[in-house]
Protein backbone atom coordinates (compact mmCIF):
# COMPACT_ATOMS: atom_id res chain seq x y z
CA MET A 1 -36.92 96.20 20.80
CA LYS A 2 -38.40 96.33 17.31
CA LEU A 3 -37.41 98.99 14.79
CA TRP A 4 -40.84 100.56 14.75
CA GLN A 5 -40.72 100.94 18.59
CA LYS A 6 -37.31 102.63 18.36
CA ASN A 7 -38.59 104.94 15.66
CA ALA A 8 -41.74 105.81 17.75
CA ILE A 9 -39.60 106.64 20.77
CA LEU A 10 -37.32 108.85 18.62
CA ILE A 11 -40.26 110.70 17.09
CA ALA A 12 -41.77 111.25 20.56
CA LEU A 13 -38.43 112.66 21.80
CA VAL A 14 -38.19 115.06 18.85
CA VAL A 15 -41.76 116.30 19.53
CA VAL A 16 -41.03 116.76 23.21
CA LEU A 17 -37.81 118.70 22.34
CA ALA A 18 -39.83 120.98 20.02
CA VAL A 19 -42.78 121.54 22.35
CA VAL A 20 -41.08 121.94 25.78
CA PRO A 21 -39.29 125.25 24.97
CA LEU A 22 -42.49 126.73 23.56
CA VAL A 23 -44.40 125.84 26.62
CA LEU A 24 -41.85 126.83 29.20
CA CYS A 25 -40.82 130.10 27.51
CA ARG A 26 -44.16 131.48 26.47
CA ASP A 27 -43.15 135.12 26.35
CA ALA A 28 -39.66 134.56 24.92
CA ALA A 29 -38.65 136.28 21.75
CA PHE A 30 -37.13 133.66 19.36
CA GLY A 31 -35.01 135.85 17.11
CA GLY A 32 -32.26 135.02 14.68
CA ALA A 33 -28.79 136.28 14.19
CA ASP A 34 -29.70 138.36 11.17
CA GLY A 35 -31.88 140.71 13.37
CA GLN A 36 -29.04 141.11 15.83
CA ALA A 37 -26.59 141.77 13.00
CA GLU A 38 -28.84 144.45 11.56
CA SER A 39 -29.11 146.28 14.83
CA VAL A 40 -25.32 146.24 15.24
CA ILE A 41 -24.83 147.58 11.75
CA TYR A 42 -27.23 150.47 12.33
CA GLU A 43 -25.57 151.18 15.59
CA LEU A 44 -22.06 151.37 14.05
CA ALA A 45 -23.16 153.19 10.89
CA PRO A 46 -26.50 155.00 11.36
CA ASP A 47 -26.51 156.30 7.75
CA TYR A 48 -26.06 152.75 6.24
CA GLU A 49 -28.51 151.90 3.49
CA PRO A 50 -28.83 148.30 2.27
CA ILE A 51 -27.93 147.69 -1.39
CA PHE A 52 -30.78 145.24 -2.00
CA SER A 53 -34.27 144.98 -0.55
CA PRO A 54 -36.19 141.75 -0.05
CA LEU A 55 -38.45 140.71 -2.93
CA MET A 56 -41.18 139.60 -0.49
CA GLU A 57 -41.49 140.61 3.12
CA PRO A 58 -42.96 137.89 5.33
CA ALA A 59 -46.09 138.86 7.24
CA SER A 60 -44.57 137.92 10.63
CA GLY A 61 -41.47 136.48 12.28
CA GLU A 62 -43.14 133.13 12.62
CA ILE A 63 -43.72 132.94 8.90
CA GLU A 64 -40.12 133.97 8.29
CA SER A 65 -38.94 131.21 10.62
CA LEU A 66 -41.24 128.73 8.85
CA LEU A 67 -39.75 129.66 5.48
CA PHE A 68 -36.22 129.37 6.78
CA ALA A 69 -36.95 125.96 8.28
CA LEU A 70 -38.55 124.84 5.02
CA GLN A 71 -35.52 125.99 3.07
CA ALA A 72 -33.25 124.07 5.49
CA ALA A 73 -35.41 120.92 5.12
CA ILE A 74 -35.38 121.05 1.39
CA GLY A 75 -31.63 121.61 1.26
CA SER A 76 -30.91 118.75 3.66
CA GLY A 77 -33.24 116.50 1.65
CA VAL A 78 -31.37 117.26 -1.52
CA VAL A 79 -27.94 116.71 0.15
CA PHE A 80 -28.94 113.43 1.82
CA TYR A 81 -30.64 112.20 -1.40
CA CYS A 82 -27.42 112.71 -3.27
CA ILE A 83 -25.40 110.93 -0.55
CA GLY A 84 -27.85 108.02 -0.53
CA TYR A 85 -27.76 107.88 -4.30
CA MET A 86 -23.96 107.69 -4.34
CA VAL A 87 -23.92 105.03 -1.60
CA GLY A 88 -26.45 102.93 -3.47
CA LYS A 89 -24.60 103.31 -6.76
CA ASN A 90 -21.37 102.29 -4.98
CA LYS A 91 -23.01 99.15 -3.49
CA LYS A 92 -24.46 98.19 -6.86
CA GLU A 93 -21.01 98.37 -8.49
CA ARG A 94 -19.60 95.98 -5.94
């Protein structure tokens, strides 16, 4: 099997893994741990007031998830670029 065929199969699998939960669980609430933590904090200490407030409040939960995913993608890109740079530099020295 050629490299491009393997890559095409892997890309198709990633797309399927991303789309299937959205199709099967149409009315599901995809929430994060930060929302759950906030509700527990207010349950334990109803008079709690946060020290800081967000600079920008996202318009919806979907946009918040998009920004989080974008942040994770940029961070992993930087980390793996550095790893690749160090591996390439190490190979060049040999």
